[in-house]
Structure formats: structure tokens, C-alpha cells
Amino acid sequence: WDKAGTAIREFANRIAVSHQNATDFLVLMNDLTKIIVKTCPRNTRKKSGTFELLNEPELLDFCLS
């Protein structure tokens, strides 16, 4: 989260300026996404994380009743 926050802070001025133009804003968000994906990878895990379990409940290793 710290690295993602740093990346977002570095883009804050550009976000404030580009919010008036949808095309510029989309380009900026694509750039920010690429930087976050590259600099903030998610560690691999043996078990699914909460995010994955919320999206795919069948990954649970127990039955909800």
C-alpha cells in the first residue's frame, strides 16, 4: 500500500489538472495503472486472499450453509 500511495501522490497534480478532459484522464489512469502493477506486485500465496474469496466463493476450503 505504501508504494501505491507514493505512486498516486506523484500523480496527484496531473489528476487534478486532467479531470476536466475525459481523454486525458483515461490516459493518466492507464499510466498510473501500469506503474502500480509494475512497482506494487502482489505476493503469491498458498491460500486465496479475501479479495479472491469474495469474487469466487467456490475457492473456500469449507462449505457455507
PDB file of N, CA and C in Angstrom:
ATOM      1  N   TRP A   1       0.815  -1.189   0.000  1.00  0.00           N
ATOM      2  CA  TRP A   1       0.000   0.000   0.000  1.00  0.00           C
ATOM      3  C   TRP A   1       0.860   1.256   0.000  1.00  0.00           C
ATOM      4  N   ASP A   2       1.990   1.172   0.648  1.00  0.00           N
ATOM      5  CA  ASP A   2       2.863   2.336   0.724  1.00  0.00           C
ATOM      6  C   ASP A   2       3.362   2.743  -0.657  1.00  0.00           C
ATOM      7  N   LYS A   3       3.791   1.767  -1.450  1.00  0.00           N
ATOM      8  CA  LYS A   3       4.277   2.068  -2.800  1.00  0.00           C
ATOM      9  C   LYS A   3       3.154   2.601  -3.683  1.00  0.00           C
ATOM     10  N   ALA A   4       1.968   2.029  -3.546  1.00  0.00           N
ATOM     11  CA  ALA A   4       0.825   2.516  -4.335  1.00  0.00           C
ATOM     12  C   ALA A   4       0.486   3.950  -3.947  1.00  0.00           C
ATOM     13  N   GLY A   5       0.512   4.245  -2.658  1.00  0.00           N
ATOM     14  CA  GLY A   5       0.249   5.601  -2.191  1.00  0.00           C
ATOM     15  C   GLY A   5       1.263   6.594  -2.714  1.00  0.00           C
ATOM     16  N   THR A   6       2.516   6.183  -2.751  1.00  0.00           N
ATOM     17  CA  THR A   6       3.569   7.049  -3.284  1.00  0.00           C
ATOM     18  C   THR A   6       3.334   7.325  -4.760  1.00  0.00           C
ATOM     19  N   ALA A   7       2.978   6.290  -5.512  1.00  0.00           N
ATOM     20  CA  ALA A   7       2.715   6.469  -6.943  1.00  0.00           C
ATOM     21  C   ALA A   7       1.535   7.410  -7.169  1.00  0.00           C
ATOM     22  N   ILE A   8       0.497   7.253  -6.382  1.00  0.00           N
ATOM     23  CA  ILE A   8      -0.686   8.109  -6.520  1.00  0.00           C
ATOM     24  C   ILE A   8      -0.345   9.551  -6.162  1.00  0.00           C
ATOM     25  N   ARG A   9       0.429   9.750  -5.097  1.00  0.00           N
ATOM     26  CA  ARG A   9       0.825  11.108  -4.713  1.00  0.00           C
ATOM     27  C   ARG A   9       1.618  11.789  -5.818  1.00  0.00           C
ATOM     28  N   GLU A  10       2.468  11.012  -6.503  1.00  0.00           N
ATOM     29  CA  GLU A  10       3.251  11.581  -7.599  1.00  0.00           C
ATOM     30  C   GLU A  10       2.354  11.999  -8.766  1.00  0.00           C
ATOM     31  N   PHE A  11       1.191  11.374  -8.904  1.00  0.00           N
ATOM     32  CA  PHE A  11       0.256  11.687  -9.977  1.00  0.00           C
ATOM     33  C   PHE A  11      -0.812  12.691  -9.552  1.00  0.00           C
ATOM     34  N   ALA A  12      -0.832  13.108  -8.308  1.00  0.00           N
ATOM     35  CA  ALA A  12      -1.926  13.937  -7.787  1.00  0.00           C
ATOM     36  C   ALA A  12      -2.124  15.227  -8.583  1.00  0.00           C
ATOM     37  N   ASN A  13      -1.052  15.904  -8.908  1.00  0.00           N
ATOM     38  CA  ASN A  13      -1.176  17.152  -9.659  1.00  0.00           C
ATOM     39  C   ASN A  13      -1.745  16.893 -11.054  1.00  0.00           C
ATOM     40  N   ARG A  14      -1.249  15.855 -11.712  1.00  0.00           N
ATOM     41  CA  ARG A  14      -1.753  15.522 -13.056  1.00  0.00           C
ATOM     42  C   ARG A  14      -3.219  15.109 -12.995  1.00  0.00           C
ATOM     43  N   ILE A  15      -3.625  14.423 -11.925  1.00  0.00           N
ATOM     44  CA  ILE A  15      -5.030  14.025 -11.772  1.00  0.00           C
ATOM     45  C   ILE A  15      -5.898  15.263 -11.632  1.00  0.00           C
ATOM     46  N   ALA A  16      -5.461  16.206 -10.826  1.00  0.00           N
ATOM     47  CA  ALA A  16      -6.236  17.431 -10.612  1.00  0.00           C
ATOM     48  C   ALA A  16      -6.398  18.225 -11.902  1.00  0.00           C
ATOM     49  N   VAL A  17      -5.373  18.247 -12.725  1.00  0.00           N
ATOM     50  CA  VAL A  17      -5.425  19.007 -13.974  1.00  0.00           C
ATOM     51  C   VAL A  17      -6.241  18.272 -15.035  1.00  0.00           C
ATOM     52  N   SER A  18      -6.135  16.956 -15.094  1.00  0.00           N
ATOM     53  CA  SER A  18      -6.747  16.201 -16.192  1.00  0.00           C
ATOM     54  C   SER A  18      -8.208  15.830 -15.957  1.00  0.00           C
ATOM     55  N   HIS A  19      -8.759  16.099 -14.799  1.00  0.00           N
ATOM     56  CA  HIS A  19     -10.125  15.654 -14.524  1.00  0.00           C
ATOM     57  C   HIS A  19     -11.162  16.365 -15.396  1.00  0.00           C
ATOM     58  N   GLN A  20     -10.784  17.466 -16.042  1.00  0.00           N
ATOM     59  CA  GLN A  20     -11.716  18.202 -16.882  1.00  0.00           C
ATOM     60  C   GLN A  20     -11.817  17.622 -18.290  1.00  0.00           C
ATOM     61  N   ASN A  21     -10.855  16.837 -18.695  1.00  0.00           N
ATOM     62  CA  ASN A  21     -10.841  16.244 -20.029  1.00  0.00           C
ATOM     63  C   ASN A  21     -10.838  14.727 -19.882  1.00  0.00           C
ATOM     64  N   ALA A  22     -11.903  14.088 -20.349  1.00  0.00           N
ATOM     65  CA  ALA A  22     -12.060  12.638 -20.155  1.00  0.00           C
ATOM     66  C   ALA A  22     -10.939  11.848 -20.823  1.00  0.00           C
ATOM     67  N   THR A  23     -10.523  12.249 -22.008  1.00  0.00           N
ATOM     68  CA  THR A  23      -9.465  11.518 -22.714  1.00  0.00           C
ATOM     69  C   THR A  23      -8.150  11.604 -21.953  1.00  0.00           C
ATOM     70  N   ASP A  24      -7.784  12.799 -21.519  1.00  0.00           N
ATOM     71  CA  ASP A  24      -6.550  12.963 -20.746  1.00  0.00           C
ATOM     72  C   ASP A  24      -6.611  12.165 -19.449  1.00  0.00           C
ATOM     73  N   PHE A  25      -7.779  12.158 -18.814  1.00  0.00           N
ATOM     74  CA  PHE A  25      -7.945  11.446 -17.555  1.00  0.00           C
ATOM     75  C   PHE A  25      -7.779   9.938 -17.765  1.00  0.00           C
ATOM     76  N   LEU A  26      -8.359   9.391 -18.832  1.00  0.00           N
ATOM     77  CA  LEU A  26      -8.220   7.955 -19.113  1.00  0.00           C
ATOM     78  C   LEU A  26      -6.770   7.582 -19.408  1.00  0.00           C
ATOM     79  N   VAL A  27      -6.082   8.428 -20.163  1.00  0.00           N
ATOM     80  CA  VAL A  27      -4.661   8.170 -20.438  1.00  0.00           C
ATOM     81  C   VAL A  27      -3.870   8.186 -19.134  1.00  0.00           C
ATOM     82  N   LEU A  28      -4.152   9.153 -18.283  1.00  0.00           N
ATOM     83  CA  LEU A  28      -3.474   9.255 -16.992  1.00  0.00           C
ATOM     84  C   LEU A  28      -3.749   8.024 -16.126  1.00  0.00           C
ATOM     85  N   MET A  29      -4.988   7.575 -16.070  1.00  0.00           N
ATOM     86  CA  MET A  29      -5.331   6.406 -15.262  1.00  0.00           C
ATOM     87  C   MET A  29      -4.653   5.150 -15.809  1.00  0.00           C
ATOM     88  N   ASN A  30      -4.540   5.030 -17.130  1.00  0.00           N
ATOM     89  CA  ASN A  30      -3.819   3.892 -17.714  1.00  0.00           C
ATOM     90  C   ASN A  30      -2.345   3.935 -17.334  1.00  0.00           C
ATOM     91  N   ASP A  31      -1.744   5.119 -17.381  1.00  0.00           N
ATOM     92  CA  ASP A  31      -0.338   5.267 -16.972  1.00  0.00           C
ATOM     93  C   ASP A  31      -0.153   4.900 -15.503  1.00  0.00           C
ATOM     94  N   LEU A  32      -1.048   5.397 -14.654  1.00  0.00           N
ATOM     95  CA  LEU A  32      -0.964   5.108 -13.226  1.00  0.00           C
ATOM     96  C   LEU A  32      -1.137   3.611 -12.962  1.00  0.00           C
ATOM     97  N   THR A  33      -2.069   2.990 -13.660  1.00  0.00           N
ATOM     98  CA  THR A  33      -2.290   1.547 -13.500  1.00  0.00           C
ATOM     99  C   THR A  33      -1.041   0.763 -13.861  1.00  0.00           C
ATOM    100  N   LYS A  34      -0.406   1.118 -14.969  1.00  0.00           N
ATOM    101  CA  LYS A  34       0.812   0.423 -15.395  1.00  0.00           C
ATOM    102  C   LYS A  34       1.911   0.556 -14.345  1.00  0.00           C
ATOM    103  N   ILE A  35       2.062   1.746 -13.772  1.00  0.00           N
ATOM    104  CA  ILE A  35       3.100   1.973 -12.758  1.00  0.00           C
ATOM    105  C   ILE A  35       2.801   1.170 -11.499  1.00  0.00           C
ATOM    106  N   ILE A  36       1.544   1.163 -11.063  1.00  0.00           N
ATOM    107  CA  ILE A  36       1.199   0.425  -9.849  1.00  0.00           C
ATOM    108  C   ILE A  36       1.388  -1.070 -10.054  1.00  0.00           C
ATOM    109  N   VAL A  37       0.975  -1.592 -11.209  1.00  0.00           N
ATOM    110  CA  VAL A  37       1.146  -3.026 -11.485  1.00  0.00           C
ATOM    111  C   VAL A  37       2.623  -3.400 -11.499  1.00  0.00           C
ATOM    112  N   LYS A  38       3.448  -2.519 -12.060  1.00  0.00           N
ATOM    113  CA  LYS A  38       4.871  -2.812 -12.170  1.00  0.00           C
ATOM    114  C   LYS A  38       5.596  -2.688 -10.831  1.00  0.00           C
ATOM    115  N   THR A  39       5.274  -1.671 -10.043  1.00  0.00           N
ATOM    116  CA  THR A  39       6.033  -1.406  -8.815  1.00  0.00           C
ATOM    117  C   THR A  39       5.423  -2.019  -7.559  1.00  0.00           C
ATOM    118  N   CYS A  40       4.169  -2.458  -7.639  1.00  0.00           N
ATOM    119  CA  CYS A  40       3.489  -2.967  -6.449  1.00  0.00           C
ATOM    120  C   CYS A  40       2.911  -4.355  -6.703  1.00  0.00           C
ATOM    121  N   PRO A  41       3.747  -5.335  -7.013  1.00  0.00           N
ATOM    122  CA  PRO A  41       3.187  -6.662  -7.283  1.00  0.00           C
ATOM    123  C   PRO A  41       2.623  -7.294  -6.017  1.00  0.00           C
ATOM    124  N   ARG A  42       1.641  -8.132  -6.196  1.00  0.00           N
ATOM    125  CA  ARG A  42       1.052  -8.833  -5.060  1.00  0.00           C
ATOM    126  C   ARG A  42       1.837 -10.120  -4.834  1.00  0.00           C
ATOM    127  N   ASN A  43       2.184 -10.394  -3.594  1.00  0.00           N
ATOM    128  CA  ASN A  43       2.916 -11.613  -3.272  1.00  0.00           C
ATOM    129  C   ASN A  43       2.046 -12.829  -3.558  1.00  0.00           C
ATOM    130  N   THR A  44       2.680 -13.889  -4.076  1.00  0.00           N
ATOM    131  CA  THR A  44       1.942 -15.120  -4.304  1.00  0.00           C
ATOM    132  C   THR A  44       1.653 -15.782  -2.962  1.00  0.00           C
ATOM    133  N   ARG A  45       0.504 -16.448  -2.887  1.00  0.00           N
ATOM    134  CA  ARG A  45       0.083 -17.080  -1.632  1.00  0.00           C
ATOM    135  C   ARG A  45      -0.340 -18.520  -1.890  1.00  0.00           C
ATOM    136  N   LYS A  46      -0.230 -19.320  -0.851  1.00  0.00           N
ATOM    137  CA  LYS A  46      -0.709 -20.693  -0.962  1.00  0.00           C
ATOM    138  C   LYS A  46      -2.221 -20.730  -0.919  1.00  0.00           C
ATOM    139  N   LYS A  47      -2.813 -19.891  -0.081  1.00  0.00           N
ATOM    140  CA  LYS A  47      -4.269 -19.829   0.025  1.00  0.00           C
ATOM    141  C   LYS A  47      -4.771 -18.559  -0.646  1.00  0.00           C
ATOM    142  N   SER A  48      -6.002 -18.608  -1.098  1.00  0.00           N
ATOM    143  CA  SER A  48      -6.608 -17.441  -1.725  1.00  0.00           C
ATOM    144  C   SER A  48      -6.810 -16.343  -0.696  1.00  0.00           C
ATOM    145  N   GLY A  49      -6.633 -15.100  -1.132  1.00  0.00           N
ATOM    146  CA  GLY A  49      -6.862 -13.968  -0.259  1.00  0.00           C
ATOM    147  C   GLY A  49      -8.337 -13.628  -0.180  1.00  0.00           C
ATOM    148  N   THR A  50      -8.673 -12.727   0.707  1.00  0.00           N
ATOM    149  CA  THR A  50     -10.068 -12.324   0.902  1.00  0.00           C
ATOM    150  C   THR A  50     -10.675 -11.818  -0.389  1.00  0.00           C
ATOM    151  N   PHE A  51      -9.924 -11.037  -1.143  1.00  0.00           N
ATOM    152  CA  PHE A  51     -10.431 -10.482  -2.395  1.00  0.00           C
ATOM    153  C   PHE A  51     -10.850 -11.596  -3.360  1.00  0.00           C
ATOM    154  N   GLU A  52      -9.994 -12.600  -3.499  1.00  0.00           N
ATOM    155  CA  GLU A  52     -10.328 -13.715  -4.396  1.00  0.00           C
ATOM    156  C   GLU A  52     -11.520 -14.508  -3.875  1.00  0.00           C
ATOM    157  N   LEU A  53     -11.592 -14.701  -2.568  1.00  0.00           N
ATOM    158  CA  LEU A  53     -12.707 -15.460  -1.988  1.00  0.00           C
ATOM    159  C   LEU A  53     -14.031 -14.723  -2.159  1.00  0.00           C
ATOM    160  N   LEU A  54     -14.009 -13.409  -2.073  1.00  0.00           N
ATOM    161  CA  LEU A  54     -15.232 -12.653  -2.274  1.00  0.00           C
ATOM    162  C   LEU A  54     -15.697 -12.741  -3.728  1.00  0.00           C
ATOM    163  N   ASN A  55     -14.747 -12.774  -4.652  1.00  0.00           N
ATOM    164  CA  ASN A  55     -15.095 -12.878  -6.071  1.00  0.00           C
ATOM    165  C   ASN A  55     -15.434 -14.296  -6.488  1.00  0.00           C
ATOM    166  N   GLU A  56     -14.828 -15.290  -5.843  1.00  0.00           N
ATOM    167  CA  GLU A  56     -15.043 -16.697  -6.197  1.00  0.00           C
ATOM    168  C   GLU A  56     -15.220 -17.530  -4.933  1.00  0.00           C
ATOM    169  N   PRO A  57     -16.427 -17.558  -4.358  1.00  0.00           N
ATOM    170  CA  PRO A  57     -16.645 -18.289  -3.100  1.00  0.00           C
ATOM    171  C   PRO A  57     -16.375 -19.792  -3.211  1.00  0.00           C
ATOM    172  N   GLU A  58     -16.393 -20.334  -4.424  1.00  0.00           N
ATOM    173  CA  GLU A  58     -16.119 -21.772  -4.559  1.00  0.00           C
ATOM    174  C   GLU A  58     -14.669 -22.123  -4.223  1.00  0.00           C
ATOM    175  N   LEU A  59     -13.802 -21.144  -4.051  1.00  0.00           N
ATOM    176  CA  LEU A  59     -12.422 -21.394  -3.652  1.00  0.00           C
ATOM    177  C   LEU A  59     -12.289 -21.693  -2.160  1.00  0.00           C
ATOM    178  N   LEU A  60     -13.354 -21.455  -1.405  1.00  0.00           N
ATOM    179  CA  LEU A  60     -13.328 -21.750   0.038  1.00  0.00           C
ATOM    180  C   LEU A  60     -13.064 -23.235   0.254  1.00  0.00           C
ATOM    181  N   ASP A  61     -12.264 -23.545   1.273  1.00  0.00           N
ATOM    182  CA  ASP A  61     -11.969 -24.945   1.554  1.00  0.00           C
ATOM    183  C   ASP A  61     -12.952 -25.526   2.583  1.00  0.00           C
ATOM    184  N   PHE A  62     -14.087 -24.871   2.773  1.00  0.00           N
ATOM    185  CA  PHE A  62     -15.146 -25.383   3.636  1.00  0.00           C
ATOM    186  C   PHE A  62     -16.498 -24.953   3.049  1.00  0.00           C
ATOM    187  N   CYS A  63     -17.536 -25.547   3.542  1.00  0.00           N
ATOM    188  CA  CYS A  63     -18.872 -25.306   2.998  1.00  0.00           C
ATOM    189  C   CYS A  63     -19.623 -24.294   3.867  1.00  0.00           C
ATOM    190  N   LEU A  64     -20.185 -23.301   3.223  1.00  0.00           N
ATOM    191  CA  LEU A  64     -21.026 -22.340   3.924  1.00  0.00           C
ATOM    192  C   LEU A  64     -22.474 -22.858   3.878  1.00  0.00           C
ATOM    193  N   SER A  65     -23.115 -22.888   5.015  1.00  0.00           N
ATOM    194  CA  SER A  65     -24.504 -23.356   4.993  1.00  0.00           C
ATOM    195  C   SER A  65     -25.412 -22.405   5.726  1.00  0.00           C
TER     196      SER A  65
END
